[in-house]
N, C-alpha and C. Protein backbone atom coordinates (compact mmCIF):
# COMPACT_ATOMS: atom_id res chain seq x y z
N MET A 1 0.85 -1.17 0.00
CA MET A 1 0.00 0.00 0.00
C MET A 1 0.89 1.23 0.00
N GLY A 2 0.66 2.13 -0.93
CA GLY A 2 1.48 3.33 -1.04
C GLY A 2 1.00 4.43 -0.11
N THR A 3 1.84 5.41 0.04
CA THR A 3 1.52 6.56 0.86
C THR A 3 0.60 7.50 0.09
N THR A 4 -0.39 8.04 0.78
CA THR A 4 -1.27 9.03 0.17
C THR A 4 -0.84 10.40 0.64
N PHE A 5 -0.69 11.30 -0.29
CA PHE A 5 -0.35 12.68 0.01
C PHE A 5 -1.61 13.53 -0.17
N PHE A 6 -1.64 14.67 0.51
CA PHE A 6 -2.75 15.59 0.39
C PHE A 6 -2.20 16.96 0.01
N CYS A 7 -2.87 17.61 -0.93
CA CYS A 7 -2.47 18.97 -1.30
C CYS A 7 -2.66 19.86 -0.07
N PRO A 8 -1.64 20.63 0.30
CA PRO A 8 -1.78 21.48 1.48
C PRO A 8 -2.76 22.63 1.30
N PHE A 9 -3.17 22.90 0.07
CA PHE A 9 -4.08 24.02 -0.19
C PHE A 9 -5.53 23.56 -0.28
N CYS A 10 -5.80 22.52 -1.08
CA CYS A 10 -7.19 22.10 -1.29
C CYS A 10 -7.50 20.73 -0.66
N LYS A 11 -6.50 20.05 -0.15
CA LYS A 11 -6.62 18.77 0.54
C LYS A 11 -7.01 17.60 -0.36
N LYS A 12 -6.82 17.74 -1.68
CA LYS A 12 -7.10 16.63 -2.59
C LYS A 12 -6.10 15.51 -2.33
N ALA A 13 -6.61 14.30 -2.21
CA ALA A 13 -5.75 13.13 -2.02
C ALA A 13 -5.07 12.78 -3.33
N SER A 14 -3.80 12.40 -3.22
CA SER A 14 -3.02 12.01 -4.38
C SER A 14 -2.15 10.82 -3.97
N PRO A 15 -2.00 9.83 -4.84
CA PRO A 15 -1.19 8.67 -4.47
C PRO A 15 0.31 8.95 -4.42
N ARG A 16 0.74 10.11 -4.90
CA ARG A 16 2.17 10.43 -4.85
C ARG A 16 2.34 11.93 -4.60
N ASP A 17 3.54 12.31 -4.30
CA ASP A 17 3.85 13.70 -3.97
C ASP A 17 4.06 14.51 -5.25
N ASP A 18 2.96 14.84 -5.92
CA ASP A 18 3.05 15.62 -7.17
C ASP A 18 3.55 17.02 -6.88
N GLN A 19 4.22 17.61 -7.83
CA GLN A 19 4.68 18.98 -7.68
C GLN A 19 3.55 19.97 -7.93
N ILE A 20 2.59 19.63 -8.80
CA ILE A 20 1.46 20.51 -9.11
C ILE A 20 0.17 19.74 -8.81
N CYS A 21 -0.71 20.35 -8.05
CA CYS A 21 -1.98 19.71 -7.72
C CYS A 21 -2.90 19.73 -8.93
N SER A 22 -3.51 18.60 -9.23
CA SER A 22 -4.41 18.53 -10.39
C SER A 22 -5.74 19.22 -10.13
N ARG A 23 -6.08 19.48 -8.88
CA ARG A 23 -7.35 20.17 -8.58
C ARG A 23 -7.18 21.69 -8.55
N CYS A 24 -6.24 22.18 -7.72
CA CYS A 24 -6.14 23.65 -7.54
C CYS A 24 -4.99 24.28 -8.32
N GLY A 25 -4.07 23.45 -8.85
CA GLY A 25 -2.98 23.97 -9.67
C GLY A 25 -1.84 24.59 -8.90
N LYS A 26 -1.88 24.52 -7.58
CA LYS A 26 -0.80 25.10 -6.78
C LYS A 26 0.35 24.11 -6.68
N THR A 27 1.53 24.66 -6.40
CA THR A 27 2.73 23.83 -6.33
C THR A 27 3.26 23.80 -4.90
N LEU A 28 4.08 22.80 -4.64
CA LEU A 28 4.72 22.73 -3.34
C LEU A 28 5.68 23.89 -3.14
N LYS A 29 6.23 24.41 -4.23
CA LYS A 29 7.10 25.58 -4.14
C LYS A 29 6.34 26.76 -3.54
N GLN A 30 5.07 26.93 -3.92
CA GLN A 30 4.26 28.02 -3.37
C GLN A 30 4.09 27.85 -1.85
N LEU A 31 3.95 26.62 -1.41
CA LEU A 31 3.81 26.36 0.02
C LEU A 31 5.06 26.80 0.78
N ARG A 32 6.22 26.56 0.21
CA ARG A 32 7.47 26.92 0.88
C ARG A 32 7.62 28.43 1.05
N GLU A 33 6.87 29.20 0.26
CA GLU A 33 6.93 30.66 0.37
C GLU A 33 6.12 31.18 1.56
N PHE A 34 5.24 30.36 2.14
CA PHE A 34 4.44 30.76 3.28
C PHE A 34 5.29 30.68 4.55
N PRO A 35 5.10 31.60 5.49
CA PRO A 35 5.76 31.46 6.80
C PRO A 35 5.27 30.16 7.46
N PHE A 36 6.11 29.60 8.33
CA PHE A 36 5.78 28.32 8.94
C PHE A 36 4.44 28.36 9.67
N GLU A 37 4.15 29.46 10.38
CA GLU A 37 2.89 29.55 11.12
C GLU A 37 1.70 29.48 10.17
N GLU A 38 1.84 30.08 9.01
CA GLU A 38 0.76 30.04 8.02
C GLU A 38 0.59 28.63 7.45
N ARG A 39 1.68 27.91 7.33
CA ARG A 39 1.58 26.51 6.89
C ARG A 39 0.87 25.68 7.94
N LEU A 40 1.12 26.00 9.22
CA LEU A 40 0.40 25.30 10.29
C LEU A 40 -1.09 25.60 10.23
N LEU A 41 -1.45 26.85 9.91
CA LEU A 41 -2.87 27.19 9.77
C LEU A 41 -3.51 26.38 8.64
N LEU A 42 -2.79 26.17 7.55
CA LEU A 42 -3.31 25.33 6.47
C LEU A 42 -3.52 23.89 6.95
N THR A 43 -2.65 23.44 7.83
CA THR A 43 -2.73 22.07 8.34
C THR A 43 -3.96 21.86 9.22
N LEU A 44 -4.55 22.93 9.72
CA LEU A 44 -5.77 22.79 10.53
C LEU A 44 -6.92 22.17 9.73
N HIS A 45 -6.79 22.14 8.40
CA HIS A 45 -7.82 21.56 7.54
C HIS A 45 -7.40 20.22 6.95
N HIS A 46 -6.33 19.66 7.46
CA HIS A 46 -5.84 18.38 6.95
C HIS A 46 -6.87 17.29 7.21
N PRO A 47 -7.02 16.35 6.30
CA PRO A 47 -8.01 15.28 6.50
C PRO A 47 -7.72 14.37 7.70
N LEU A 48 -6.48 14.25 8.10
CA LEU A 48 -6.14 13.37 9.21
C LEU A 48 -6.12 14.14 10.54
N PRO A 49 -6.92 13.71 11.52
CA PRO A 49 -7.00 14.43 12.79
C PRO A 49 -5.65 14.59 13.50
N GLY A 50 -4.78 13.62 13.39
CA GLY A 50 -3.48 13.71 14.04
C GLY A 50 -2.65 14.88 13.55
N HIS A 51 -2.73 15.14 12.26
CA HIS A 51 -2.01 16.29 11.69
C HIS A 51 -2.61 17.60 12.21
N ARG A 52 -3.95 17.65 12.25
CA ARG A 52 -4.61 18.85 12.78
C ARG A 52 -4.22 19.07 14.23
N MET A 53 -4.22 18.00 15.02
CA MET A 53 -3.91 18.12 16.44
C MET A 53 -2.47 18.61 16.67
N MET A 54 -1.55 18.13 15.87
CA MET A 54 -0.16 18.57 16.02
C MET A 54 -0.04 20.06 15.70
N ALA A 55 -0.72 20.51 14.65
CA ALA A 55 -0.68 21.93 14.29
C ALA A 55 -1.31 22.77 15.41
N ILE A 56 -2.42 22.32 15.96
CA ILE A 56 -3.07 23.03 17.07
C ILE A 56 -2.13 23.13 18.26
N HIS A 57 -1.49 22.02 18.57
CA HIS A 57 -0.56 21.97 19.70
C HIS A 57 0.57 22.99 19.53
N ILE A 58 1.18 23.00 18.37
CA ILE A 58 2.30 23.93 18.12
C ILE A 58 1.84 25.37 18.16
N LEU A 59 0.71 25.66 17.51
CA LEU A 59 0.20 27.03 17.49
C LEU A 59 -0.11 27.53 18.90
N GLY A 60 -0.62 26.65 19.74
CA GLY A 60 -0.88 27.01 21.13
C GLY A 60 0.40 27.26 21.91
N ARG A 61 1.37 26.36 21.75
CA ARG A 61 2.64 26.52 22.45
C ARG A 61 3.33 27.81 22.06
N TRP A 62 3.19 28.20 20.79
CA TRP A 62 3.80 29.43 20.29
C TRP A 62 2.95 30.65 20.58
N LYS A 63 1.77 30.43 21.18
CA LYS A 63 0.86 31.54 21.52
C LYS A 63 0.53 32.37 20.27
N TYR A 64 0.27 31.68 19.18
CA TYR A 64 0.02 32.33 17.90
C TYR A 64 -1.41 32.85 17.85
N GLU A 65 -1.58 34.12 18.17
CA GLU A 65 -2.90 34.74 18.31
C GLU A 65 -3.73 34.67 17.03
N GLN A 66 -3.08 34.68 15.87
CA GLN A 66 -3.80 34.64 14.60
C GLN A 66 -4.51 33.31 14.40
N ALA A 67 -4.21 32.31 15.21
CA ALA A 67 -4.87 31.00 15.10
C ALA A 67 -6.25 31.00 15.75
N VAL A 68 -6.53 31.95 16.62
CA VAL A 68 -7.79 31.94 17.37
C VAL A 68 -9.02 31.93 16.44
N PRO A 69 -9.11 32.80 15.43
CA PRO A 69 -10.27 32.73 14.54
C PRO A 69 -10.40 31.38 13.82
N ALA A 70 -9.27 30.81 13.45
CA ALA A 70 -9.30 29.50 12.78
C ALA A 70 -9.79 28.42 13.75
N PHE A 71 -9.35 28.48 14.99
CA PHE A 71 -9.84 27.53 16.00
C PHE A 71 -11.35 27.70 16.18
N ALA A 72 -11.81 28.94 16.25
CA ALA A 72 -13.24 29.19 16.44
C ALA A 72 -14.06 28.58 15.30
N LYS A 73 -13.55 28.66 14.08
CA LYS A 73 -14.26 28.09 12.93
C LYS A 73 -14.29 26.56 12.98
N MET A 74 -13.35 25.97 13.70
CA MET A 74 -13.29 24.51 13.79
C MET A 74 -14.32 23.94 14.78
N ILE A 75 -14.94 24.80 15.55
CA ILE A 75 -15.93 24.34 16.54
C ILE A 75 -17.25 24.16 15.82
N THR A 76 -17.43 22.97 15.28
CA THR A 76 -18.61 22.65 14.50
C THR A 76 -19.19 21.34 15.00
N PRO A 77 -20.49 21.13 14.77
CA PRO A 77 -21.07 19.83 15.13
C PRO A 77 -20.34 18.72 14.39
N GLY A 78 -20.06 17.67 15.10
CA GLY A 78 -19.39 16.52 14.49
C GLY A 78 -17.87 16.59 14.52
N GLN A 79 -17.31 17.71 14.97
CA GLN A 79 -15.85 17.82 15.06
C GLN A 79 -15.36 16.82 16.11
N ASP A 80 -14.26 16.18 15.84
CA ASP A 80 -13.64 15.22 16.75
C ASP A 80 -13.42 15.89 18.12
N VAL A 81 -13.94 15.26 19.18
CA VAL A 81 -13.85 15.88 20.51
C VAL A 81 -12.41 15.97 21.00
N TYR A 82 -11.54 15.10 20.51
CA TYR A 82 -10.14 15.17 20.93
C TYR A 82 -9.41 16.31 20.23
N VAL A 83 -9.84 16.63 19.02
CA VAL A 83 -9.34 17.83 18.34
C VAL A 83 -9.80 19.06 19.12
N LEU A 84 -11.07 19.06 19.53
CA LEU A 84 -11.60 20.18 20.31
C LEU A 84 -10.88 20.31 21.65
N ARG A 85 -10.56 19.19 22.27
CA ARG A 85 -9.81 19.23 23.53
C ARG A 85 -8.45 19.88 23.32
N GLU A 86 -7.80 19.57 22.21
CA GLU A 86 -6.51 20.18 21.89
C GLU A 86 -6.67 21.68 21.65
N ILE A 87 -7.78 22.07 21.05
CA ILE A 87 -8.07 23.49 20.84
C ILE A 87 -8.23 24.19 22.19
N VAL A 88 -8.89 23.54 23.14
CA VAL A 88 -9.05 24.12 24.47
C VAL A 88 -7.68 24.41 25.09
N VAL A 89 -6.79 23.44 25.02
CA VAL A 89 -5.45 23.62 25.58
C VAL A 89 -4.73 24.77 24.88
N ALA A 90 -4.80 24.80 23.55
CA ALA A 90 -4.12 25.86 22.79
C ALA A 90 -4.69 27.24 23.13
N LEU A 91 -6.00 27.34 23.21
CA LEU A 91 -6.62 28.62 23.54
C LEU A 91 -6.21 29.11 24.92
N SER A 92 -6.11 28.19 25.87
CA SER A 92 -5.70 28.59 27.21
C SER A 92 -4.24 29.04 27.23
N GLN A 93 -3.41 28.49 26.35
CA GLN A 93 -2.02 28.92 26.26
C GLN A 93 -1.90 30.28 25.58
N ILE A 94 -2.72 30.53 24.59
CA ILE A 94 -2.68 31.81 23.88
C ILE A 94 -3.12 32.93 24.82
N ASP A 95 -4.16 32.69 25.61
CA ASP A 95 -4.57 33.55 26.72
C ASP A 95 -4.75 35.02 26.33
N THR A 96 -5.61 35.28 25.36
CA THR A 96 -6.00 36.64 25.00
C THR A 96 -7.50 36.77 25.25
N ALA A 97 -8.02 37.97 25.15
CA ALA A 97 -9.46 38.17 25.33
C ALA A 97 -10.24 37.34 24.30
N ASP A 98 -9.76 37.31 23.05
CA ASP A 98 -10.45 36.53 22.02
C ASP A 98 -10.40 35.03 22.30
N SER A 99 -9.25 34.54 22.73
CA SER A 99 -9.14 33.10 23.00
C SER A 99 -10.02 32.71 24.19
N LEU A 100 -10.08 33.58 25.20
CA LEU A 100 -10.91 33.29 26.37
C LEU A 100 -12.39 33.32 26.01
N GLN A 101 -12.76 34.15 25.05
CA GLN A 101 -14.15 34.20 24.59
C GLN A 101 -14.53 32.88 23.91
N VAL A 102 -13.63 32.34 23.09
CA VAL A 102 -13.89 31.07 22.43
C VAL A 102 -13.93 29.95 23.46
N LEU A 103 -13.04 29.99 24.44
CA LEU A 103 -13.05 29.00 25.52
C LEU A 103 -14.39 29.01 26.26
N GLU A 104 -14.91 30.19 26.50
CA GLU A 104 -16.20 30.32 27.20
C GLU A 104 -17.30 29.62 26.40
N LYS A 105 -17.25 29.73 25.09
CA LYS A 105 -18.22 29.05 24.22
C LYS A 105 -18.10 27.53 24.38
N LEU A 106 -16.88 27.05 24.50
CA LEU A 106 -16.65 25.61 24.61
C LEU A 106 -17.07 25.05 25.96
N ARG A 107 -17.18 25.88 26.98
CA ARG A 107 -17.59 25.40 28.32
C ARG A 107 -18.96 24.75 28.31
N SER A 108 -19.80 25.11 27.34
CA SER A 108 -21.14 24.51 27.28
C SER A 108 -21.25 23.48 26.15
N HIS A 109 -20.13 23.00 25.66
CA HIS A 109 -20.13 21.99 24.60
C HIS A 109 -20.83 20.72 25.10
N PRO A 110 -21.54 20.01 24.22
CA PRO A 110 -22.25 18.80 24.66
C PRO A 110 -21.33 17.66 25.11
N SER A 111 -20.08 17.66 24.67
CA SER A 111 -19.18 16.56 25.03
C SER A 111 -18.55 16.77 26.41
N PRO A 112 -18.65 15.75 27.29
CA PRO A 112 -17.98 15.87 28.59
C PRO A 112 -16.46 15.97 28.46
N VAL A 113 -15.89 15.42 27.41
CA VAL A 113 -14.44 15.51 27.18
C VAL A 113 -14.03 16.98 27.01
N VAL A 114 -14.79 17.70 26.22
CA VAL A 114 -14.49 19.11 25.95
C VAL A 114 -14.76 19.95 27.20
N ARG A 115 -15.89 19.72 27.86
CA ARG A 115 -16.20 20.49 29.07
C ARG A 115 -15.16 20.27 30.16
N GLN A 116 -14.70 19.02 30.31
CA GLN A 116 -13.68 18.72 31.33
C GLN A 116 -12.37 19.42 30.98
N ALA A 117 -12.01 19.44 29.72
CA ALA A 117 -10.79 20.14 29.31
C ALA A 117 -10.89 21.63 29.63
N CYS A 118 -12.06 22.21 29.40
CA CYS A 118 -12.27 23.63 29.74
C CYS A 118 -12.10 23.85 31.24
N GLU A 119 -12.66 22.95 32.02
CA GLU A 119 -12.54 23.08 33.48
C GLU A 119 -11.08 22.93 33.91
N ASP A 120 -10.40 21.93 33.38
CA ASP A 120 -9.00 21.68 33.75
C ASP A 120 -8.10 22.85 33.37
N HIS A 121 -8.30 23.36 32.17
CA HIS A 121 -7.41 24.41 31.68
C HIS A 121 -7.88 25.80 32.08
N GLY A 122 -9.12 25.92 32.51
CA GLY A 122 -9.59 27.19 33.06
C GLY A 122 -8.88 27.50 34.37
N ARG A 123 -8.66 26.45 35.17
CA ARG A 123 -7.96 26.62 36.44
C ARG A 123 -6.48 26.91 36.22
N GLN A 124 -5.93 26.40 35.11
CA GLN A 124 -4.50 26.53 34.86
C GLN A 124 -4.17 27.64 33.87
N ALA A 125 -5.17 28.40 33.43
CA ALA A 125 -4.93 29.41 32.40
C ALA A 125 -3.82 30.35 32.85
N PRO A 126 -2.86 30.66 31.96
CA PRO A 126 -1.73 31.51 32.32
C PRO A 126 -2.12 32.85 32.91
N GLY A 127 -3.21 33.44 32.44
CA GLY A 127 -3.64 34.73 32.99
C GLY A 127 -4.49 34.58 34.23
N GLY A 128 -4.72 33.32 34.65
CA GLY A 128 -5.50 33.07 35.85
C GLY A 128 -7.00 33.16 35.61
N ALA A 129 -7.44 33.24 34.36
CA ALA A 129 -8.87 33.35 34.07
C ALA A 129 -9.55 32.05 34.39
N GLN A 130 -10.77 32.15 34.84
CA GLN A 130 -11.56 30.97 35.14
C GLN A 130 -12.66 30.80 34.12
């Protein structure tokens, strides 16, 4: 079984690492021109949850404030609760008024996994916010 690659721009699956995407026409060279943080933001839409979670983790550790709107858009019905839990951790690390507002929204999420993460990280928030 071969490795499947995904276009970093449109997420089209491809059986090999093509230089030009057959769907969107973008090249891997164009991706290299993006700052690393922007490439991580593109990864938030990767088809594999593990890739999304790693990008969320790094963006949170780096306190990348520009990720907050992207995280907010990821809070949708059916989103993997473990991805949402990682978003909770990242938002608490970013610790801005906007990130705390998104965290407040997640406190009433239907999943106990997400609500527990909010409770755990609300107590540990760097700014001391509850």
